């Protein structure tokens, strides 16, 4: 089994910054993609960002230039640095990892609220 623990969400004012983390543990043979989706109230879950084991990144257009994803392979941890936050970034953020052979696992979600 693979466990993901997210941390770092919270309340921030528009224009502010937050960093969320996602730490993986358990029976992990090889971590491939790590990334995040988010889901705002009343909306469908949407892709935010992902990073490969080699450090290649891909972002949704809505967050490109404001969010930065990174990872520490030794710690099996991914980070999402969110800058210039907007009220429309308010959502529950869910990290995921793709593990070789066994598939995709999800974190429990962390809430991000952008409000003055």
PDB file of N, CA and C in Angstrom:
ATOM      1  N   UNK A   1       0.823  -1.199   0.000  1.00  0.00           N
ATOM      2  CA  UNK A   1       0.000   0.000   0.000  1.00  0.00           C
ATOM      3  C   UNK A   1       0.859   1.251   0.000  1.00  0.00           C
ATOM      4  N   UNK A   2       0.298   2.306  -0.570  1.00  0.00           N
ATOM      5  CA  UNK A   2       0.969   3.598  -0.627  1.00  0.00           C
ATOM      6  C   UNK A   2       0.108   4.606   0.116  1.00  0.00           C
ATOM      7  N   UNK A   3       0.742   5.384   0.982  1.00  0.00           N
ATOM      8  CA  UNK A   3       0.034   6.437   1.693  1.00  0.00           C
ATOM      9  C   UNK A   3       0.586   7.795   1.273  1.00  0.00           C
ATOM     10  N   UNK A   4      -0.311   8.745   1.124  1.00  0.00           N
ATOM     11  CA  UNK A   4       0.072  10.115   0.803  1.00  0.00           C
ATOM     12  C   UNK A   4      -0.453  11.029   1.901  1.00  0.00           C
ATOM     13  N   UNK A   5       0.411  11.883   2.401  1.00  0.00           N
ATOM     14  CA  UNK A   5       0.013  12.841   3.419  1.00  0.00           C
ATOM     15  C   UNK A   5       0.274  14.243   2.895  1.00  0.00           C
ATOM     16  N   UNK A   6      -0.794  15.006   2.826  1.00  0.00           N
ATOM     17  CA  UNK A   6      -0.696  16.380   2.349  1.00  0.00           C
ATOM     18  C   UNK A   6      -0.658  17.343   3.525  1.00  0.00           C
ATOM     19  N   UNK A   7      -0.005  18.457   3.310  1.00  0.00           N
ATOM     20  CA  UNK A   7       0.025  19.494   4.329  1.00  0.00           C
ATOM     21  C   UNK A   7       0.242  20.836   3.674  1.00  0.00           C
ATOM     22  N   UNK A   8      -0.067  21.897   4.401  1.00  0.00           N
ATOM     23  CA  UNK A   8       0.292  23.227   3.959  1.00  0.00           C
ATOM     24  C   UNK A   8      -0.831  24.097   3.443  1.00  0.00           C
ATOM     25  N   UNK A   9      -2.047  23.597   3.401  1.00  0.00           N
ATOM     26  CA  UNK A   9      -3.134  24.460   2.955  1.00  0.00           C
ATOM     27  C   UNK A   9      -3.480  25.500   3.992  1.00  0.00           C
ATOM     28  N   UNK A  10      -4.467  26.327   3.670  1.00  0.00           N
ATOM     29  CA  UNK A  10      -4.890  27.324   4.633  1.00  0.00           C
ATOM     30  C   UNK A  10      -5.566  28.496   3.974  1.00  0.00           C
ATOM     31  N   UNK A  11      -5.663  29.572   4.743  1.00  0.00           N
ATOM     32  CA  UNK A  11      -6.309  30.802   4.288  1.00  0.00           C
ATOM     33  C   UNK A  11      -5.247  31.830   3.940  1.00  0.00           C
ATOM     34  N   UNK A  12      -5.403  32.448   2.799  1.00  0.00           N
ATOM     35  CA  UNK A  12      -4.440  33.452   2.363  1.00  0.00           C
ATOM     36  C   UNK A  12      -5.193  34.561   1.639  1.00  0.00           C
ATOM     37  N   UNK A  13      -4.657  35.756   1.696  1.00  0.00           N
ATOM     38  CA  UNK A  13      -5.278  36.871   0.992  1.00  0.00           C
ATOM     39  C   UNK A  13      -4.938  36.835  -0.492  1.00  0.00           C
ATOM     40  N   UNK A  14      -5.776  37.425  -1.311  1.00  0.00           N
ATOM     41  CA  UNK A  14      -5.447  37.513  -2.746  1.00  0.00           C
ATOM     42  C   UNK A  14      -4.083  38.151  -2.957  1.00  0.00           C
ATOM     43  N   UNK A  15      -3.314  37.543  -3.860  1.00  0.00           N
ATOM     44  CA  UNK A  15      -1.955  38.004  -4.110  1.00  0.00           C
ATOM     45  C   UNK A  15      -0.919  37.332  -3.244  1.00  0.00           C
ATOM     46  N   UNK A  16      -1.362  36.567  -2.269  1.00  0.00           N
ATOM     47  CA  UNK A  16      -0.450  35.899  -1.361  1.00  0.00           C
ATOM     48  C   UNK A  16       0.070  34.577  -1.902  1.00  0.00           C
ATOM     49  N   UNK A  17       0.822  33.894  -1.049  1.00  0.00           N
ATOM     50  CA  UNK A  17       1.455  32.636  -1.446  1.00  0.00           C
ATOM     51  C   UNK A  17       1.204  31.549  -0.407  1.00  0.00           C
ATOM     52  N   UNK A  18       1.196  30.325  -0.886  1.00  0.00           N
ATOM     53  CA  UNK A  18       1.120  29.150  -0.030  1.00  0.00           C
ATOM     54  C   UNK A  18       1.949  28.052  -0.671  1.00  0.00           C
ATOM     55  N   UNK A  19       2.449  27.141   0.144  1.00  0.00           N
ATOM     56  CA  UNK A  19       3.092  25.948  -0.383  1.00  0.00           C
ATOM     57  C   UNK A  19       2.434  24.732   0.248  1.00  0.00           C
ATOM     58  N   UNK A  20       2.029  23.816  -0.601  1.00  0.00           N
ATOM     59  CA  UNK A  20       1.483  22.549  -0.125  1.00  0.00           C
ATOM     60  C   UNK A  20       2.470  21.433  -0.450  1.00  0.00           C
ATOM     61  N   UNK A  21       2.483  20.444   0.430  1.00  0.00           N
ATOM     62  CA  UNK A  21       3.405  19.322   0.289  1.00  0.00           C
ATOM     63  C   UNK A  21       2.638  18.018   0.211  1.00  0.00           C
ATOM     64  N   UNK A  22       3.267  17.023  -0.365  1.00  0.00           N
ATOM     65  CA  UNK A  22       2.664  15.702  -0.494  1.00  0.00           C
ATOM     66  C   UNK A  22       3.764  14.675  -0.289  1.00  0.00           C
ATOM     67  N   UNK A  23       3.703  13.970   0.824  1.00  0.00           N
ATOM     68  CA  UNK A  23       4.725  12.988   1.174  1.00  0.00           C
ATOM     69  C   UNK A  23       4.180  11.580   0.985  1.00  0.00           C
ATOM     70  N   UNK A  24       4.911  10.784   0.239  1.00  0.00           N
ATOM     71  CA  UNK A  24       4.503   9.412  -0.032  1.00  0.00           C
ATOM     72  C   UNK A  24       5.281   8.437   0.834  1.00  0.00           C
ATOM     73  N   UNK A  25       4.621   7.371   1.247  1.00  0.00           N
ATOM     74  CA  UNK A  25       5.279   6.331   2.016  1.00  0.00           C
ATOM     75  C   UNK A  25       4.593   5.009   1.716  1.00  0.00           C
ATOM     76  N   UNK A  26       5.259   3.912   2.121  1.00  0.00           N
ATOM     77  CA  UNK A  26       4.668   2.600   1.912  1.00  0.00           C
ATOM     78  C   UNK A  26       5.453   1.778   0.899  1.00  0.00           C
ATOM     79  N   UNK A  27       4.755   0.860   0.284  1.00  0.00           N
ATOM     80  CA  UNK A  27       5.378  -0.064  -0.662  1.00  0.00           C
ATOM     81  C   UNK A  27       5.496   0.616  -2.023  1.00  0.00           C
ATOM     82  N   UNK A  28       6.596   1.302  -2.196  1.00  0.00           N
ATOM     83  CA  UNK A  28       6.784   2.087  -3.416  1.00  0.00           C
ATOM     84  C   UNK A  28       7.970   1.534  -4.173  1.00  0.00           C
ATOM     85  N   UNK A  29       7.699   0.998  -5.349  1.00  0.00           N
ATOM     86  CA  UNK A  29       8.791   0.483  -6.164  1.00  0.00           C
ATOM     87  C   UNK A  29       9.425   1.587  -6.980  1.00  0.00           C
ATOM     88  N   UNK A  30       8.581   2.376  -7.597  1.00  0.00           N
ATOM     89  CA  UNK A  30       9.089   3.459  -8.434  1.00  0.00           C
ATOM     90  C   UNK A  30       8.007   4.515  -8.565  1.00  0.00           C
ATOM     91  N   UNK A  31       8.324   5.728  -8.138  1.00  0.00           N
ATOM     92  CA  UNK A  31       7.384   6.831  -8.274  1.00  0.00           C
ATOM     93  C   UNK A  31       7.566   7.479  -9.631  1.00  0.00           C
ATOM     94  N   UNK A  32       6.544   7.483 -10.413  1.00  0.00           N
ATOM     95  CA  UNK A  32       6.629   8.134 -11.710  1.00  0.00           C
ATOM     96  C   UNK A  32       6.096   9.561 -11.561  1.00  0.00           C
ATOM     97  N   UNK A  33       4.933   9.845 -12.110  1.00  0.00           N
ATOM     98  CA  UNK A  33       4.383  11.182 -11.973  1.00  0.00           C
ATOM     99  C   UNK A  33       3.948  11.462 -10.533  1.00  0.00           C
ATOM    100  N   UNK A  34       4.141  12.701 -10.120  1.00  0.00           N
ATOM    101  CA  UNK A  34       3.517  13.235  -8.912  1.00  0.00           C
ATOM    102  C   UNK A  34       2.843  14.531  -9.328  1.00  0.00           C
ATOM    103  N   UNK A  35       1.712  14.840  -8.737  1.00  0.00           N
ATOM    104  CA  UNK A  35       1.031  16.056  -9.154  1.00  0.00           C
ATOM    105  C   UNK A  35      -0.167  16.378  -8.294  1.00  0.00           C
ATOM    106  N   UNK A  36      -0.892  17.371  -8.770  1.00  0.00           N
ATOM    107  CA  UNK A  36      -2.083  17.831  -8.067  1.00  0.00           C
ATOM    108  C   UNK A  36      -3.261  18.062  -9.012  1.00  0.00           C
ATOM    109  N   UNK A  37      -4.427  17.774  -8.494  1.00  0.00           N
ATOM    110  CA  UNK A  37      -5.681  18.227  -9.028  1.00  0.00           C
ATOM    111  C   UNK A  37      -6.332  19.101  -7.951  1.00  0.00           C
ATOM    112  N   UNK A  38      -7.337  19.835  -8.342  1.00  0.00           N
ATOM    113  CA  UNK A  38      -8.098  20.607  -7.372  1.00  0.00           C
ATOM    114  C   UNK A  38      -9.587  20.544  -7.701  1.00  0.00           C
ATOM    115  N   UNK A  39     -10.383  20.767  -6.666  1.00  0.00           N
ATOM    116  CA  UNK A  39     -11.826  20.756  -6.853  1.00  0.00           C
ATOM    117  C   UNK A  39     -12.433  21.871  -6.025  1.00  0.00           C
ATOM    118  N   UNK A  40     -13.058  22.799  -6.728  1.00  0.00           N
ATOM    119  CA  UNK A  40     -13.750  23.903  -6.085  1.00  0.00           C
ATOM    120  C   UNK A  40     -15.189  23.494  -5.784  1.00  0.00           C
ATOM    121  N   UNK A  41     -15.812  24.135  -4.822  1.00  0.00           N
ATOM    122  CA  UNK A  41     -17.202  23.780  -4.485  1.00  0.00           C
ATOM    123  C   UNK A  41     -18.114  23.861  -5.700  1.00  0.00           C
ATOM    124  N   UNK A  42     -18.839  22.790  -5.947  1.00  0.00           N
ATOM    125  CA  UNK A  42     -19.782  22.766  -7.051  1.00  0.00           C
ATOM    126  C   UNK A  42     -19.172  22.564  -8.417  1.00  0.00           C
ATOM    127  N   UNK A  43     -17.872  22.319  -8.463  1.00  0.00           N
ATOM    128  CA  UNK A  43     -17.198  22.141  -9.747  1.00  0.00           C
ATOM    129  C   UNK A  43     -16.529  20.768  -9.823  1.00  0.00           C
ATOM    130  N   UNK A  44     -16.186  20.384 -11.030  1.00  0.00           N
ATOM    131  CA  UNK A  44     -15.500  19.122 -11.220  1.00  0.00           C
ATOM    132  C   UNK A  44     -14.011  19.275 -10.862  1.00  0.00           C
ATOM    133  N   UNK A  45     -13.412  18.140 -10.529  1.00  0.00           N
ATOM    134  CA  UNK A  45     -11.986  18.148 -10.248  1.00  0.00           C
ATOM    135  C   UNK A  45     -11.222  18.491 -11.516  1.00  0.00           C
ATOM    136  N   UNK A  46     -10.211  19.349 -11.401  1.00  0.00           N
ATOM    137  CA  UNK A  46      -9.430  19.754 -12.557  1.00  0.00           C
ATOM    138  C   UNK A  46      -7.939  19.595 -12.293  1.00  0.00           C
ATOM    139  N   UNK A  47      -7.233  19.340 -13.357  1.00  0.00           N
ATOM    140  CA  UNK A  47      -5.785  19.161 -13.295  1.00  0.00           C
ATOM    141  C   UNK A  47      -5.107  20.487 -12.961  1.00  0.00           C
ATOM    142  N   UNK A  48      -4.041  20.424 -12.150  1.00  0.00           N
ATOM    143  CA  UNK A  48      -3.276  21.621 -11.804  1.00  0.00           C
ATOM    144  C   UNK A  48      -1.854  21.527 -12.340  1.00  0.00           C
ATOM    145  N   UNK A  49      -1.122  20.497 -11.925  1.00  0.00           N
ATOM    146  CA  UNK A  49       0.285  20.388 -12.317  1.00  0.00           C
ATOM    147  C   UNK A  49       0.765  18.971 -12.067  1.00  0.00           C
ATOM    148  N   UNK A  50       1.845  18.601 -12.780  1.00  0.00           N
ATOM    149  CA  UNK A  50       2.484  17.316 -12.532  1.00  0.00           C
ATOM    150  C   UNK A  50       3.977  17.447 -12.801  1.00  0.00           C
ATOM    151  N   UNK A  51       4.718  16.490 -12.260  1.00  0.00           N
ATOM    152  CA  UNK A  51       6.162  16.469 -12.433  1.00  0.00           C
ATOM    153  C   UNK A  51       6.612  15.025 -12.568  1.00  0.00           C
ATOM    154  N   UNK A  52       7.528  14.787 -13.469  1.00  0.00           N
ATOM    155  CA  UNK A  52       8.051  13.442 -13.668  1.00  0.00           C
ATOM    156  C   UNK A  52       9.178  13.177 -12.678  1.00  0.00           C
ATOM    157  N   UNK A  53       9.610  11.942 -12.619  1.00  0.00           N
ATOM    158  CA  UNK A  53      10.716  11.597 -11.730  1.00  0.00           C
ATOM    159  C   UNK A  53      11.995  12.316 -12.141  1.00  0.00           C
ATOM    160  N   UNK A  54      12.075  12.683 -13.394  1.00  0.00           N
ATOM    161  CA  UNK A  54      13.253  13.406 -13.891  1.00  0.00           C
ATOM    162  C   UNK A  54      13.160  14.907 -13.747  1.00  0.00           C
ATOM    163  N   UNK A  55      12.014  15.398 -13.255  1.00  0.00           N
ATOM    164  CA  UNK A  55      11.868  16.825 -13.020  1.00  0.00           C
ATOM    165  C   UNK A  55      11.174  17.605 -14.120  1.00  0.00           C
ATOM    166  N   UNK A  56      10.677  16.924 -15.129  1.00  0.00           N
ATOM    167  CA  UNK A  56       9.917  17.627 -16.168  1.00  0.00           C
ATOM    168  C   UNK A  56       8.542  17.994 -15.630  1.00  0.00           C
ATOM    169  N   UNK A  57       8.115  19.208 -15.908  1.00  0.00           N
ATOM    170  CA  UNK A  57       6.865  19.718 -15.334  1.00  0.00           C
ATOM    171  C   UNK A  57       5.851  20.067 -16.415  1.00  0.00           C
ATOM    172  N   UNK A  58       4.599  20.048 -16.002  1.00  0.00           N
ATOM    173  CA  UNK A  58       3.506  20.427 -16.895  1.00  0.00           C
ATOM    174  C   UNK A  58       2.429  21.072 -16.038  1.00  0.00           C
ATOM    175  N   UNK A  59       1.869  22.203 -16.562  1.00  0.00           N
ATOM    176  CA  UNK A  59       0.905  22.980 -15.777  1.00  0.00           C
ATOM    177  C   UNK A  59      -0.373  23.234 -16.555  1.00  0.00           C
ATOM    178  N   UNK A  60      -1.456  23.359 -15.828  1.00  0.00           N
ATOM    179  CA  UNK A  60      -2.683  23.846 -16.434  1.00  0.00           C
ATOM    180  C   UNK A  60      -2.494  25.315 -16.787  1.00  0.00           C
ATOM    181  N   UNK A  61      -3.132  25.741 -17.856  1.00  0.00           N
ATOM    182  CA  UNK A  61      -2.986  27.136 -18.289  1.00  0.00           C
ATOM    183  C   UNK A  61      -3.383  28.118 -17.197  1.00  0.00           C
ATOM    184  N   UNK A  62      -4.372  27.751 -16.400  1.00  0.00           N
ATOM    185  CA  UNK A  62      -4.872  28.661 -15.376  1.00  0.00           C
ATOM    186  C   UNK A  62      -3.832  28.992 -14.301  1.00  0.00           C
ATOM    187  N   UNK A  63      -2.854  28.130 -14.120  1.00  0.00           N
ATOM    188  CA  UNK A  63      -1.876  28.354 -13.045  1.00  0.00           C
ATOM    189  C   UNK A  63      -0.471  28.594 -13.576  1.00  0.00           C
ATOM    190  N   UNK A  64      -0.287  28.450 -14.856  1.00  0.00           N
ATOM    191  CA  UNK A  64       1.047  28.608 -15.448  1.00  0.00           C
ATOM    192  C   UNK A  64       1.603  29.991 -15.142  1.00  0.00           C
ATOM    193  N   UNK A  65       2.858  30.031 -14.694  1.00  0.00           N
ATOM    194  CA  UNK A  65       3.488  31.291 -14.357  1.00  0.00           C
ATOM    195  C   UNK A  65       3.269  31.725 -12.927  1.00  0.00           C
ATOM    196  N   UNK A  66       2.312  31.085 -12.227  1.00  0.00           N
ATOM    197  CA  UNK A  66       2.037  31.436 -10.833  1.00  0.00           C
ATOM    198  C   UNK A  66       2.383  30.285  -9.888  1.00  0.00           C
ATOM    199  N   UNK A  67       2.190  29.070 -10.335  1.00  0.00           N
ATOM    200  CA  UNK A  67       2.447  27.881  -9.523  1.00  0.00           C
ATOM    201  C   UNK A  67       3.719  27.194 -10.003  1.00  0.00           C
ATOM    202  N   UNK A  68       4.433  26.611  -9.050  1.00  0.00           N
ATOM    203  CA  UNK A  68       5.635  25.856  -9.378  1.00  0.00           C
ATOM    204  C   UNK A  68       5.607  24.530  -8.621  1.00  0.00           C
ATOM    205  N   UNK A  69       5.733  23.454  -9.381  1.00  0.00           N
ATOM    206  CA  UNK A  69       5.784  22.131  -8.759  1.00  0.00           C
ATOM    207  C   UNK A  69       7.225  21.649  -8.731  1.00  0.00           C
ATOM    208  N   UNK A  70       7.587  20.984  -7.653  1.00  0.00           N
ATOM    209  CA  UNK A  70       8.929  20.426  -7.525  1.00  0.00           C
ATOM    210  C   UNK A  70       8.829  19.135  -6.722  1.00  0.00           C
ATOM    211  N   UNK A  71       9.920  18.400  -6.670  1.00  0.00           N
ATOM    212  CA  UNK A  71       9.893  17.163  -5.898  1.00  0.00           C
ATOM    213  C   UNK A  71      11.278  16.835  -5.379  1.00  0.00           C
ATOM    214  N   UNK A  72      11.291  16.113  -4.279  1.00  0.00           N
ATOM    215  CA  UNK A  72      12.516  15.599  -3.689  1.00  0.00           C
ATOM    216  C   UNK A  72      12.393  14.084  -3.732  1.00  0.00           C
ATOM    217  N   UNK A  73      13.067  13.453  -4.665  1.00  0.00           N
ATOM    218  CA  UNK A  73      12.911  12.009  -4.842  1.00  0.00           C
ATOM    219  C   UNK A  73      13.393  11.227  -3.631  1.00  0.00           C
ATOM    220  N   UNK A  74      14.431  11.711  -2.979  1.00  0.00           N
ATOM    221  CA  UNK A  74      14.938  11.004  -1.799  1.00  0.00           C
ATOM    222  C   UNK A  74      13.904  10.987  -0.683  1.00  0.00           C
ATOM    223  N   UNK A  75      13.138  12.073  -0.566  1.00  0.00           N
ATOM    224  CA  UNK A  75      12.108  12.166   0.464  1.00  0.00           C
ATOM    225  C   UNK A  75      10.754  11.685  -0.021  1.00  0.00           C
ATOM    226  N   UNK A  76      10.668  11.334  -1.303  1.00  0.00           N
ATOM    227  CA  UNK A  76       9.387  10.915  -1.891  1.00  0.00           C
ATOM    228  C   UNK A  76       8.305  11.981  -1.628  1.00  0.00           C
ATOM    229  N   UNK A  77       8.683  13.204  -1.804  1.00  0.00           N
ATOM    230  CA  UNK A  77       7.796  14.323  -1.492  1.00  0.00           C
ATOM    231  C   UNK A  77       7.741  15.290  -2.670  1.00  0.00           C
ATOM    232  N   UNK A  78       6.532  15.763  -2.952  1.00  0.00           N
ATOM    233  CA  UNK A  78       6.331  16.782  -3.965  1.00  0.00           C
ATOM    234  C   UNK A  78       5.827  18.054  -3.295  1.00  0.00           C
ATOM    235  N   UNK A  79       6.108  19.169  -3.943  1.00  0.00           N
ATOM    236  CA  UNK A  79       5.729  20.467  -3.411  1.00  0.00           C
ATOM    237  C   UNK A  79       5.028  21.276  -4.500  1.00  0.00           C
ATOM    238  N   UNK A  80       4.040  22.034  -4.090  1.00  0.00           N
ATOM    239  CA  UNK A  80       3.369  22.943  -5.010  1.00  0.00           C
ATOM    240  C   UNK A  80       3.433  24.333  -4.391  1.00  0.00           C
ATOM    241  N   UNK A  81       4.280  25.167  -4.967  1.00  0.00           N
ATOM    242  CA  UNK A  81       4.405  26.549  -4.530  1.00  0.00           C
ATOM    243  C   UNK A  81       3.404  27.385  -5.317  1.00  0.00           C
ATOM    244  N   UNK A  82       2.502  28.042  -4.606  1.00  0.00           N
ATOM    245  CA  UNK A  82       1.440  28.810  -5.253  1.00  0.00           C
ATOM    246  C   UNK A  82       1.631  30.286  -4.925  1.00  0.00           C
ATOM    247  N   UNK A  83       1.895  31.078  -5.944  1.00  0.00           N
ATOM    248  CA  UNK A  83       2.092  32.512  -5.785  1.00  0.00           C
ATOM    249  C   UNK A  83       0.986  33.277  -6.499  1.00  0.00           C
ATOM    250  N   UNK A  84       0.870  34.543  -6.181  1.00  0.00           N
ATOM    251  CA  UNK A  84      -0.131  35.412  -6.816  1.00  0.00           C
ATOM    252  C   UNK A  84      -1.510  34.757  -6.796  1.00  0.00           C
ATOM    253  N   UNK A  85      -1.867  34.255  -5.652  1.00  0.00           N
ATOM    254  CA  UNK A  85      -3.124  33.512  -5.545  1.00  0.00           C
ATOM    255  C   UNK A  85      -4.329  34.411  -5.774  1.00  0.00           C
ATOM    256  N   UNK A  86      -5.337  33.833  -6.403  1.00  0.00           N
ATOM    257  CA  UNK A  86      -6.572  34.532  -6.727  1.00  0.00           C
ATOM    258  C   UNK A  86      -7.737  33.840  -6.021  1.00  0.00           C
ATOM    259  N   UNK A  87      -8.822  34.553  -5.800  1.00  0.00           N
ATOM    260  CA  UNK A  87      -9.989  33.902  -5.188  1.00  0.00           C
ATOM    261  C   UNK A  87     -10.437  32.657  -5.954  1.00  0.00           C
ATOM    262  N   UNK A  88     -10.287  32.658  -7.247  1.00  0.00           N
ATOM    263  CA  UNK A  88     -10.698  31.492  -8.037  1.00  0.00           C
ATOM    264  C   UNK A  88      -9.776  30.290  -7.861  1.00  0.00           C
ATOM    265  N   UNK A  89      -8.675  30.460  -7.144  1.00  0.00           N
ATOM    266  CA  UNK A  89      -7.820  29.310  -6.800  1.00  0.00           C
ATOM    267  C   UNK A  89      -8.348  28.577  -5.569  1.00  0.00           C
ATOM    268  N   UNK A  90      -9.361  29.122  -4.929  1.00  0.00           N
ATOM    269  CA  UNK A  90      -9.954  28.461  -3.767  1.00  0.00           C
ATOM    270  C   UNK A  90     -10.497  27.096  -4.156  1.00  0.00           C
ATOM    271  N   UNK A  91     -10.029  26.057  -3.460  1.00  0.00           N
ATOM    272  CA  UNK A  91     -10.424  24.691  -3.781  1.00  0.00           C
ATOM    273  C   UNK A  91      -9.780  23.735  -2.778  1.00  0.00           C
ATOM    274  N   UNK A  92     -10.217  22.501  -2.835  1.00  0.00           N
ATOM    275  CA  UNK A  92      -9.492  21.419  -2.173  1.00  0.00           C
ATOM    276  C   UNK A  92      -8.461  20.888  -3.162  1.00  0.00           C
ATOM    277  N   UNK A  93      -7.234  20.807  -2.707  1.00  0.00           N
ATOM    278  CA  UNK A  93      -6.142  20.366  -3.574  1.00  0.00           C
ATOM    279  C   UNK A  93      -5.773  18.929  -3.208  1.00  0.00           C
ATOM    280  N   UNK A  94      -5.770  18.075  -4.216  1.00  0.00           N
ATOM    281  CA  UNK A  94      -5.503  16.652  -4.028  1.00  0.00           C
ATOM    282  C   UNK A  94      -4.228  16.271  -4.767  1.00  0.00           C
ATOM    283  N   UNK A  95      -3.264  15.758  -4.035  1.00  0.00           N
ATOM    284  CA  UNK A  95      -2.065  15.283  -4.710  1.00  0.00           C
ATOM    285  C   UNK A  95      -2.261  13.824  -5.138  1.00  0.00           C
ATOM    286  N   UNK A  96      -1.482  13.419  -6.097  1.00  0.00           N
ATOM    287  CA  UNK A  96      -1.511  12.040  -6.546  1.00  0.00           C
ATOM    288  C   UNK A  96      -0.102  11.599  -6.902  1.00  0.00           C
ATOM    289  N   UNK A  97       0.104  10.295  -6.876  1.00  0.00           N
ATOM    290  CA  UNK A  97       1.339   9.718  -7.368  1.00  0.00           C
ATOM    291  C   UNK A  97       0.997   8.532  -8.254  1.00  0.00           C
ATOM    292  N   UNK A  98       1.772   8.358  -9.266  1.00  0.00           N
ATOM    293  CA  UNK A  98       1.659   7.191 -10.136  1.00  0.00           C
ATOM    294  C   UNK A  98       2.832   6.266  -9.817  1.00  0.00           C
ATOM    295  N   UNK A  99       2.520   5.097  -9.324  1.00  0.00           N
ATOM    296  CA  UNK A  99       3.528   4.128  -8.927  1.00  0.00           C
ATOM    297  C   UNK A  99       3.581   3.027  -9.972  1.00  0.00           C
ATOM    298  N   UNK A 100       4.794   2.646 -10.360  1.00  0.00           N
ATOM    299  CA  UNK A 100       4.954   1.598 -11.368  1.00  0.00           C
ATOM    300  C   UNK A 100       4.202   0.338 -10.951  1.00  0.00           C
ATOM    301  N   UNK A 101       3.493  -0.219 -11.877  1.00  0.00           N
ATOM    302  CA  UNK A 101       2.747  -1.476 -11.750  1.00  0.00           C
ATOM    303  C   UNK A 101       1.445  -1.304 -10.974  1.00  0.00           C
ATOM    304  N   UNK A 102       1.502  -0.647  -9.808  1.00  0.00           N
ATOM    305  CA  UNK A 102       0.325  -0.641  -8.930  1.00  0.00           C
ATOM    306  C   UNK A 102      -0.661   0.469  -9.214  1.00  0.00           C
ATOM    307  N   UNK A 103      -0.231   1.550  -9.878  1.00  0.00           N
ATOM    308  CA  UNK A 103      -1.195   2.536 -10.296  1.00  0.00           C
ATOM    309  C   UNK A 103      -1.153   3.858  -9.550  1.00  0.00           C
ATOM    310  N   UNK A 104      -2.299   4.548  -9.528  1.00  0.00           N
ATOM    311  CA  UNK A 104      -2.404   5.896  -8.999  1.00  0.00           C
ATOM    312  C   UNK A 104      -2.975   5.873  -7.578  1.00  0.00           C
ATOM    313  N   UNK A 105      -2.384   6.706  -6.756  1.00  0.00           N
ATOM    314  CA  UNK A 105      -2.845   6.875  -5.385  1.00  0.00           C
ATOM    315  C   UNK A 105      -3.095   8.357  -5.132  1.00  0.00           C
ATOM    316  N   UNK A 106      -4.075   8.619  -4.240  1.00  0.00           N
ATOM    317  CA  UNK A 106      -4.479  10.009  -3.965  1.00  0.00           C
ATOM    318  C   UNK A 106      -4.263  10.360  -2.503  1.00  0.00           C
ATOM    319  N   UNK A 107      -3.945  11.638  -2.283  1.00  0.00           N
ATOM    320  CA  UNK A 107      -3.888  12.155  -0.936  1.00  0.00           C
ATOM    321  C   UNK A 107      -5.275  12.487  -0.424  1.00  0.00           C
ATOM    322  N   UNK A 108      -5.331  12.911   0.829  1.00  0.00           N
ATOM    323  CA  UNK A 108      -6.611  13.163   1.475  1.00  0.00           C
ATOM    324  C   UNK A 108      -7.180  14.526   1.121  1.00  0.00           C
ATOM    325  N   UNK A 109      -6.366  15.347   0.511  1.00  0.00           N
ATOM    326  CA  UNK A 109      -6.811  16.687   0.140  1.00  0.00           C
ATOM    327  C   UNK A 109      -6.451  17.700   1.200  1.00  0.00           C
ATOM    328  N   UNK A 110      -6.155  18.904   0.747  1.00  0.00           N
ATOM    329  CA  UNK A 110      -5.898  20.014   1.656  1.00  0.00           C
ATOM    330  C   UNK A 110      -6.627  21.244   1.127  1.00  0.00           C
ATOM    331  N   UNK A 111      -7.237  21.987   2.022  1.00  0.00           N
ATOM    332  CA  UNK A 111      -8.066  23.104   1.607  1.00  0.00           C
ATOM    333  C   UNK A 111      -7.245  24.375   1.471  1.00  0.00           C
ATOM    334  N   UNK A 112      -7.467  25.059   0.373  1.00  0.00           N
ATOM    335  CA  UNK A 112      -6.847  26.356   0.131  1.00  0.00           C
ATOM    336  C   UNK A 112      -7.976  27.371  -0.073  1.00  0.00           C
ATOM    337  N   UNK A 113      -7.959  28.401   0.735  1.00  0.00           N
ATOM    338  CA  UNK A 113      -8.967  29.459   0.634  1.00  0.00           C
ATOM    339  C   UNK A 113      -8.266  30.776   0.389  1.00  0.00           C
ATOM    340  N   UNK A 114      -8.634  31.427  -0.696  1.00  0.00           N
ATOM    341  CA  UNK A 114      -8.050  32.718  -1.041  1.00  0.00           C
ATOM    342  C   UNK A 114      -9.150  33.768  -0.874  1.00  0.00           C
ATOM    343  N   UNK A 115      -9.000  34.581   0.147  1.00  0.00           N
ATOM    344  CA  UNK A 115     -10.062  35.540   0.468  1.00  0.00           C
ATOM    345  C   UNK A 115      -9.497  36.672   1.302  1.00  0.00           C
ATOM    346  N   UNK A 116     -10.073  37.839   1.108  1.00  0.00           N
ATOM    347  CA  UNK A 116      -9.687  38.988   1.920  1.00  0.00           C
ATOM    348  C   UNK A 116     -10.610  39.123   3.125  1.00  0.00           C
TER     349      UNK A 116
END
